[in-house]
Structures are given as C-alpha cells and as structure tokens.
Protein backbone atom coordinates (compact mmCIF):
# COMPACT_ATOMS: atom_id res chain seq x y z
CA MET A 1 0.00 0.00 0.00
CA PRO A 2 1.54 3.36 -1.00
CA GLU A 3 2.52 5.74 1.78
CA GLN A 4 0.01 8.54 2.34
CA LEU A 5 1.93 11.82 2.43
CA PRO A 6 0.42 15.03 3.84
CA SER A 7 -0.82 17.58 1.31
CA SER A 8 0.68 20.44 3.35
CA VAL A 9 3.06 21.04 6.24
CA ILE A 10 2.43 23.45 9.13
CA TYR A 11 5.52 25.07 10.65
CA GLU A 12 5.35 26.95 13.95
CA TYR A 13 7.54 29.73 15.25
CA PRO A 14 7.20 31.34 18.72
CA LEU A 15 7.53 35.10 18.99
CA GLN A 16 7.66 35.00 22.79
CA GLU A 17 10.31 33.14 24.78
CA ARG A 18 7.82 31.43 27.06
CA PHE A 19 5.95 30.06 24.04
CA ARG A 20 9.25 28.61 22.86
CA THR A 21 9.37 26.80 26.20
CA TYR A 22 5.77 25.63 25.82
CA LEU A 23 6.51 24.17 22.38
CA ARG A 24 9.63 22.41 23.63
CA LEU A 25 7.71 20.91 26.53
CA GLU A 26 4.91 19.80 24.23
CA HIS A 27 7.47 18.04 22.05
CA SER A 28 9.14 16.39 25.07
CA PHE A 29 5.83 15.10 26.41
CA LYS A 30 4.92 13.63 22.99
CA GLN A 31 8.32 11.94 22.85
CA LEU A 32 7.78 10.48 26.32
CA HIS A 33 4.46 8.90 25.41
CA SER A 34 5.81 7.56 22.10
CA ALA A 35 8.89 6.09 23.80
CA LEU A 36 6.82 4.46 26.52
CA ALA A 37 5.63 1.78 24.08
CA VAL A 38 9.19 0.56 23.39
CA LEU A 39 10.67 1.24 26.81
CA GLY A 40 11.74 -2.36 27.43
CA LYS A 41 13.80 -2.64 24.22
CA HIS A 42 14.90 0.96 23.75
CA PRO A 43 15.04 2.82 27.10
CA GLU A 44 17.26 5.70 25.93
CA PRO A 45 14.57 7.77 24.12
CA PHE A 46 12.25 7.61 27.14
CA PHE A 47 14.80 8.64 29.74
CA SER A 48 16.38 11.27 27.47
CA ALA A 49 12.98 12.90 26.96
CA LEU A 50 12.13 12.63 30.66
CA PHE A 51 15.33 14.33 31.78
CA ALA A 52 15.04 16.97 29.04
CA ALA A 53 11.55 17.88 30.24
CA GLN A 54 12.70 17.91 33.86
CA GLU A 55 15.63 20.21 33.08
CA LEU A 56 13.48 22.57 31.02
CA ILE A 57 10.93 22.88 33.82
CA GLU A 58 13.59 23.34 36.51
CA ARG A 59 15.36 26.20 34.73
CA SER A 60 12.23 28.22 33.96
CA ASP A 61 9.40 29.58 36.06
CA ILE A 62 6.96 27.62 33.98
CA ARG A 63 4.21 27.40 36.58
CA THR A 64 4.02 31.18 37.00
CA GLU A 65 4.10 31.84 33.26
CA LEU A 66 1.39 29.27 32.56
CA SER A 67 -0.78 30.62 35.37
CA LYS A 68 -0.57 34.13 33.93
CA ASP A 69 -1.34 33.00 30.39
CA LEU A 70 -4.27 30.85 31.47
CA ASP A 71 -5.64 33.79 33.43
CA GLN A 72 -5.45 35.89 30.26
CA GLN A 73 -7.42 33.14 28.49
CA ARG A 74 -10.00 33.26 31.28
CA LEU A 75 -10.40 37.03 30.96
CA PHE A 76 -10.62 36.75 27.17
CA MET A 77 -13.44 34.20 27.46
CA LYS A 78 -15.29 36.23 30.09
CA ARG A 79 -15.40 39.19 27.68
CA TRP A 80 -17.21 36.98 25.16
CA GLU A 81 -19.86 35.74 27.60
CA GLN A 82 -22.31 38.53 26.72
CA HIS A 83 -21.94 38.12 22.95
CA PRO A 84 -25.32 36.92 21.58
CA GLN A 85 -23.84 34.72 18.82
CA ILE A 86 -21.43 32.78 21.04
CA ASP A 87 -22.08 29.10 21.77
CA GLN A 88 -22.42 29.42 25.53
CA THR A 89 -22.11 25.68 26.13
CA ALA A 90 -18.79 25.48 24.30
CA LEU A 91 -17.57 28.69 25.93
CA GLN A 92 -18.40 27.53 29.45
CA GLY A 93 -16.77 24.17 28.74
CA ALA A 94 -13.57 25.88 27.61
CA LEU A 95 -13.68 28.22 30.60
CA GLN A 96 -14.01 25.31 33.03
CA SER A 97 -11.04 23.60 31.34
CA VAL A 98 -8.95 26.73 31.86
CA LEU A 99 -9.95 27.02 35.52
CA ALA A 100 -9.22 23.33 36.15
CA ALA A 101 -5.80 23.49 34.45
CA ALA A 102 -4.85 26.62 36.42
CA ASP A 103 -5.95 25.01 39.68
CA ASN A 104 -3.97 21.82 38.99
CA LEU A 105 -0.80 23.88 38.49
CA GLN A 106 -0.75 24.33 42.27
CA GLN A 107 0.34 20.69 42.50
CA VAL A 108 3.45 21.23 40.38
CA PRO A 109 6.04 21.85 43.15
CA LYS A 110 4.98 18.69 44.98
CA GLU A 111 4.96 16.55 41.83
CA LEU A 112 8.35 17.82 40.64
CA ARG A 113 9.81 17.07 44.06
CA LEU A 114 8.78 13.42 43.63
CA ILE A 115 10.75 13.27 40.36
CA LYS A 116 13.77 15.06 41.79
CA ASP A 117 13.88 12.88 44.91
CA ASP A 118 13.58 9.60 43.00
CA ARG A 119 16.87 7.88 43.82
CA PHE A 120 16.87 5.63 40.75
CA LEU A 121 16.37 8.55 38.35
CA ALA A 122 19.00 10.59 40.20
CA SER A 123 21.50 7.75 39.80
CA ILE A 124 21.25 7.70 35.98
CA ARG A 125 20.47 11.33 35.14
CA ASN A 126 24.10 12.56 34.94
CA ARG A 127 25.03 9.82 32.47
CA PHE A 128 22.17 10.81 30.14
CA ALA A 129 23.30 14.44 30.33
CA GLN A 130 26.71 13.57 28.88
CA PRO A 131 27.23 13.76 25.09
CA GLY A 132 27.63 10.63 23.04
CA VAL A 133 25.98 7.23 23.06
CA THR A 134 25.25 5.71 26.45
CA GLY A 135 25.81 1.96 26.83
CA LEU A 136 24.20 -0.25 29.45
CA PHE A 137 27.68 -1.23 30.67
CA GLU A 138 27.86 2.32 32.06
CA LEU A 139 24.49 2.01 33.77
CA PRO A 140 24.22 -1.38 35.48
CA GLN A 141 21.36 -0.09 37.64
CA LEU A 142 19.36 0.64 34.47
CA GLN A 143 20.24 -2.78 33.10
CA LEU A 144 18.88 -4.38 36.27
CA TRP A 145 15.77 -2.17 36.17
CA LEU A 146 15.08 -3.36 32.61
CA GLN A 147 15.07 -6.97 33.81
CA GLN A 148 11.99 -6.35 35.94
CA PRO A 149 8.59 -7.53 34.68
CA SER A 150 7.05 -5.31 32.02
CA ALA A 151 4.16 -4.41 34.30
CA THR A 152 6.57 -3.14 36.96
CA ARG A 153 8.51 -1.01 34.43
CA GLN A 154 5.30 0.43 33.03
CA GLN A 155 4.05 1.23 36.54
CA HIS A 156 7.24 3.13 37.38
CA ALA A 157 7.21 4.99 34.05
CA GLN A 158 3.55 5.95 34.45
CA GLN A 159 4.24 7.30 37.94
CA TRP A 160 6.97 9.53 36.50
CA LEU A 161 4.70 10.70 33.69
CA ASP A 162 1.95 11.47 36.20
CA CYS A 163 4.32 13.90 37.93
CA PHE A 164 4.38 15.96 34.72
CA ALA A 165 0.60 15.69 34.19
CA PRO A 166 -0.44 19.12 35.59
CA ILE A 167 2.12 20.97 33.47
CA ALA A 168 1.49 18.79 30.41
CA ALA A 169 -2.25 19.45 30.56
CA ALA A 170 -1.78 23.20 31.04
CA VAL A 171 0.74 23.45 28.19
CA GLU A 172 -1.52 21.44 25.87
CA LEU A 173 -4.53 23.63 26.67
CA GLN A 174 -2.64 26.92 26.38
CA LEU A 175 -1.18 25.98 23.00
CA GLU A 176 -4.52 24.63 21.75
CA LEU A 177 -6.30 27.88 22.62
CA THR A 178 -3.48 29.99 21.18
CA ARG A 179 -3.59 28.09 17.89
CA GLN A 180 -7.36 28.41 17.67
CA GLN A 181 -7.11 32.19 18.02
CA GLY A 182 -5.08 32.54 14.81
CA GLN A 183 -6.86 31.99 11.48
CA PHE A 184 -4.91 31.16 8.32
CA SER A 185 -4.86 33.75 5.55
CA ASP A 186 -3.28 33.32 2.11
CA VAL A 187 -0.23 35.28 0.99
CA VAL A 188 2.40 34.92 -1.71
CA ALA A 189 6.08 34.94 -0.81
CA ASN A 190 7.61 36.83 -3.72
CA ASN A 191 11.03 35.41 -4.58
CA GLY A 192 10.57 33.16 -1.55
CA PHE A 193 10.47 36.11 0.87
CA TRP A 194 7.84 37.68 3.12
CA GLN A 195 8.02 40.32 5.83
CA GLU A 196 5.37 41.94 7.96
CA SER A 197 4.69 44.25 10.87
CA CYS A 198 1.84 43.19 13.11
CA GLU A 199 0.14 43.44 16.46
CA PRO A 200 1.91 41.62 19.34
CA LEU A 201 1.92 37.91 18.55
CA ALA A 202 2.58 34.79 20.60
CA LEU A 203 2.99 32.33 17.76
CA LEU A 204 3.26 32.15 13.98
CA ARG A 205 1.93 29.19 12.03
CA ILE A 206 3.01 28.78 8.39
CA LYS A 207 1.22 26.32 6.09
CA ILE A 208 2.97 25.37 2.86
CA ALA A 209 1.77 22.86 0.29
CA ALA A 210 4.05 19.81 0.23
CA GLU A 211 4.42 20.08 -3.54
CA HIS A 212 6.57 23.20 -3.10
CA ALA A 213 9.20 21.18 -1.19
CA CYS A 214 10.44 24.12 0.89
CA TYR A 215 10.49 25.22 4.52
CA PRO A 216 10.49 28.66 6.18
CA VAL A 217 13.36 30.26 8.06
CA ILE A 218 11.78 32.85 10.33
CA SER A 219 13.26 35.66 12.37
CA GLY A 220 11.68 38.47 14.31
CA HIS A 221 10.00 39.44 17.54
CA ARG A 222 6.43 39.80 18.66
CA GLN A 223 5.53 42.76 16.35
CA ARG A 224 7.63 42.12 13.25
CA PHE A 225 8.87 39.07 11.40
CA THR A 226 10.54 38.03 8.18
CA LEU A 227 10.27 34.73 6.40
CA ARG A 228 12.67 33.22 3.89
CA LEU A 229 11.81 29.98 2.08
CA MET A 230 14.53 27.38 1.71
CA THR A 231 14.91 23.97 0.07
CA LEU A 232 16.68 20.98 1.59
CA ALA A 233 20.45 21.20 1.23
CA GLU A 234 21.73 19.06 -1.62
CA GLY A 235 24.65 18.99 -4.02
CA GLU A 236 27.70 21.22 -3.68
CA ALA A 237 28.16 23.59 -0.77
CA LYS A 238 28.41 26.63 -3.06
CA GLN A 239 24.84 26.15 -4.30
CA THR A 240 22.18 28.32 -2.70
CA ASP A 241 19.25 26.70 -0.91
CA ALA A 242 17.08 29.85 -0.98
CA VAL A 243 13.88 29.71 -3.03
CA SER A 244 13.67 32.30 -5.81
CA ASP A 245 10.15 31.50 -7.04
CA ASN A 246 6.89 33.09 -5.93
CA VAL A 247 5.33 30.61 -3.51
CA PRO A 248 1.76 30.73 -2.18
CA LEU A 249 1.39 29.92 1.51
CA ALA A 250 -0.88 30.63 4.46
CA ILE A 251 -0.01 32.40 7.72
CA ALA A 252 -1.89 32.18 11.01
CA ARG A 253 -1.00 35.02 13.38
CA CYS A 254 -1.81 33.83 16.90
CA PRO A 255 -2.22 36.90 19.14
CA LEU A 256 -0.57 37.57 22.46
CA LEU A 257 -3.38 38.12 24.95
CA THR A 258 -2.92 41.06 27.31
CA ASN A 259 -5.04 42.96 29.80
CA THR A 260 -5.62 45.78 27.33
C-alpha cells in the first residue's frame, strides 16, 4: 500500500520566549508517550525525553508563566460571555477547562519534588546528560531495572509521567487555545520572501503545500517578522538553498493576549 503523504506542512515559530518553552515541553511530552511503548527494548529515548523535560521545567518559572497566560485566556473568554452569537455551552466548557488546568498547576512543586527525589532517576540522570551514546555497561542499575517484569517497568514509568501531568495538561490547553485564536490567511512569498509588521503575537503558524518542497526560516520578535523559504540542502556547498520562485502559503497570526 503506498505511503500517504500530507498535502501540506504546518511550521510553527514562537515570537515570545515562554511560548518557545511551551513548544519544547509539548514536544518532550509527545516523545515520552511515544517512547513508553518501546521502553523495554529501547530505554534511551524515554529517559532522554524525561530528563530533558525535567531540566526545562527546573530552569524556567513555567508554573508562574502558565498561570498568567491561562488567566489571560479566562479574561478573554469572560469578555465573550455577553456576545449573543457565542455558543455558551462550548464557551463555558472551555472556561471550566482553563480554571481546572490553572488550579492543577498548584500541585506542580509537589509533583516535581517526587521526580527530583527519585533515587533511581538521580542515579542515571548525569550519564544521560553527557554527550555521546550511552551503553548499558555504564548504567548497570538501568540494566537491572530493565530486567523487571514489564508491568513493573510500566508502573514506574507511568508514575513519573503522572508527575508531569499538571504541566502537560496546562501546556496542551494553552497551545490549543493559542492556535485556535489565529486563522490562516493566504499570501504569496515573492522570490521566496515575506516580511510583515503586526500586532503583538505569541505564535506564527506557516502552512505550505508539500508540492513546493520548501520550509520557512523565520526571524523576528512579537511585532515584526521576516520569512525566507529554503529547500533541503543538496549537491555542492556553493549552491544556494534559498527559493527564488513566488510561492503561495498561508499564515496564522496567533495573538498575544494582554489585559488591554
């Protein structure tokens, strides 16, 4: 059966540093759940993703940032409550999800302490932080852990994942709402280039048809950005990878919610 390829690719670019953190955490949590299925045979992806998520959370005030952004979502929804054409059932459901996610963030310090104080994880974390390929001969405690019954390994792994659950749910909800608040509009990148000034944005989403075989390189800040289309590097180094054709694409500008 032939492989079904997507008709378009959506690229995302954060225009706020905390949204960069949210996207990285989202990616780490997806990696964790994917790696869980093959944990017994290939433990490295799971533990690498787990420690990456732990480090990212520890070196940023993620709970405070998420609480503030979810509160902005709450205020945004409250302003729409009196609008006659709004689906009140859907709105109240979304509002309750925001309130629940914000409330669950209060558990984060306790849950992260459980991860940090886990003696087994602490005993292998430094080895995973070192560059290069890690062999089981360097981690006999991991080798022994892998010899436990599958149900025991899965139970331990699920307990570790549960410690991330409040942050994972809040990140997923915040990014879902942010993406929904930006609608795609069509533009044409002349000579593979587009630039724009805009209202403060949290996130850019760029949709390009797969047939064009190019990807965007984006730079900018929350009120201005530029986009250059590139092809995959091939051939000699002296050849340019920049697209020179006019390429149609779609841009979703996801706004940064503020009190104003």
